[in-house]
Amino acid sequence: MTQRLAQLQIERNAIRSRIAGERDVRQRLVLYEQLHRVAMELSPLERQLAAR
């Protein structure tokens, strides 16, 4: 689980960096969709880890 958690955190950070540098609004929307998908998978894992 912790390996998947780390992988998703890295992916989330990479997407955030791409959003910050993207000037095209439509492309930013695509990136925000990707960020949401990653966050939806990451959030439950982070909660499980915090509950330990």
C-alpha atoms as a PDB file:
ATOM      1  CA  MET A   1       0.000   0.000   0.000  1.00  0.00           C
ATOM      2  CA  THR A   2       2.728   2.493   0.871  1.00  0.00           C
ATOM      3  CA  GLN A   3       4.383   1.974  -2.517  1.00  0.00           C
ATOM      4  CA  ARG A   4       1.107   2.765  -4.305  1.00  0.00           C
ATOM      5  CA  LEU A   5       0.594   5.738  -1.998  1.00  0.00           C
ATOM      6  CA  ALA A   6       4.026   7.124  -2.860  1.00  0.00           C
ATOM      7  CA  GLN A   7       3.447   6.522  -6.566  1.00  0.00           C
ATOM      8  CA  LEU A   8       0.148   8.422  -6.483  1.00  0.00           C
ATOM      9  CA  GLN A   9       1.679  11.293  -4.507  1.00  0.00           C
ATOM     10  CA  ILE A  10       4.444  11.624  -7.094  1.00  0.00           C
ATOM     11  CA  GLU A  11       1.880  11.530  -9.897  1.00  0.00           C
ATOM     12  CA  ARG A  12      -0.250  14.161  -8.107  1.00  0.00           C
ATOM     13  CA  ASN A  13       2.739  16.466  -7.695  1.00  0.00           C
ATOM     14  CA  ALA A  14       3.739  16.042 -11.333  1.00  0.00           C
ATOM     15  CA  ILE A  15       0.249  16.923 -12.513  1.00  0.00           C
ATOM     16  CA  ARG A  16       0.174  19.982 -10.237  1.00  0.00           C
ATOM     17  CA  SER A  17       3.473  21.133 -11.742  1.00  0.00           C
ATOM     18  CA  ARG A  18       2.134  20.682 -15.248  1.00  0.00           C
ATOM     19  CA  ILE A  19      -0.999  22.663 -14.363  1.00  0.00           C
ATOM     20  CA  ALA A  20       1.115  25.520 -13.017  1.00  0.00           C
ATOM     21  CA  GLY A  21       3.031  25.761 -16.280  1.00  0.00           C
ATOM     22  CA  GLU A  22       0.158  25.226 -18.702  1.00  0.00           C
ATOM     23  CA  ARG A  23      -1.169  28.301 -20.464  1.00  0.00           C
ATOM     24  CA  ASP A  24      -3.902  26.632 -22.512  1.00  0.00           C
ATOM     25  CA  VAL A  25      -7.170  26.571 -20.563  1.00  0.00           C
ATOM     26  CA  ARG A  26      -8.454  23.443 -22.298  1.00  0.00           C
ATOM     27  CA  GLN A  27      -5.272  21.541 -21.519  1.00  0.00           C
ATOM     28  CA  ARG A  28      -5.445  22.693 -17.895  1.00  0.00           C
ATOM     29  CA  LEU A  29      -8.965  21.257 -17.701  1.00  0.00           C
ATOM     30  CA  VAL A  30      -7.641  17.904 -18.918  1.00  0.00           C
ATOM     31  CA  LEU A  31      -4.922  18.072 -16.273  1.00  0.00           C
ATOM     32  CA  TYR A  32      -7.440  18.942 -13.564  1.00  0.00           C
ATOM     33  CA  GLU A  33      -9.460  15.876 -14.573  1.00  0.00           C
ATOM     34  CA  GLN A  34      -6.328  13.756 -14.208  1.00  0.00           C
ATOM     35  CA  LEU A  35      -5.605  15.368 -10.845  1.00  0.00           C
ATOM     36  CA  HIS A  36      -9.113  14.575  -9.657  1.00  0.00           C
ATOM     37  CA  ARG A  37      -8.777  10.931 -10.738  1.00  0.00           C
ATOM     38  CA  VAL A  38      -5.498  10.573  -8.849  1.00  0.00           C
ATOM     39  CA  ALA A  39      -6.872  12.353  -5.780  1.00  0.00           C
ATOM     40  CA  MET A  40      -9.918  10.067  -5.681  1.00  0.00           C
ATOM     41  CA  GLU A  41      -7.623   7.052  -5.521  1.00  0.00           C
ATOM     42  CA  LEU A  42      -5.094   8.669  -3.193  1.00  0.00           C
ATOM     43  CA  SER A  43      -7.454  10.057  -0.573  1.00  0.00           C
ATOM     44  CA  PRO A  44      -8.690   6.730   0.852  1.00  0.00           C
ATOM     45  CA  LEU A  45      -5.124   5.409   1.026  1.00  0.00           C
ATOM     46  CA  GLU A  46      -3.974   8.481   2.939  1.00  0.00           C
ATOM     47  CA  ARG A  47      -6.905   8.120   5.348  1.00  0.00           C
ATOM     48  CA  GLN A  48      -6.069   4.445   5.932  1.00  0.00           C
ATOM     49  CA  LEU A  49      -2.459   5.302   6.639  1.00  0.00           C
ATOM     50  CA  ALA A  50      -3.444   8.088   9.039  1.00  0.00           C
ATOM     51  CA  ALA A  51      -5.773   5.754  10.934  1.00  0.00           C
ATOM     52  CA  ARG A  52      -2.970   3.358  11.777  1.00  0.00           C
END
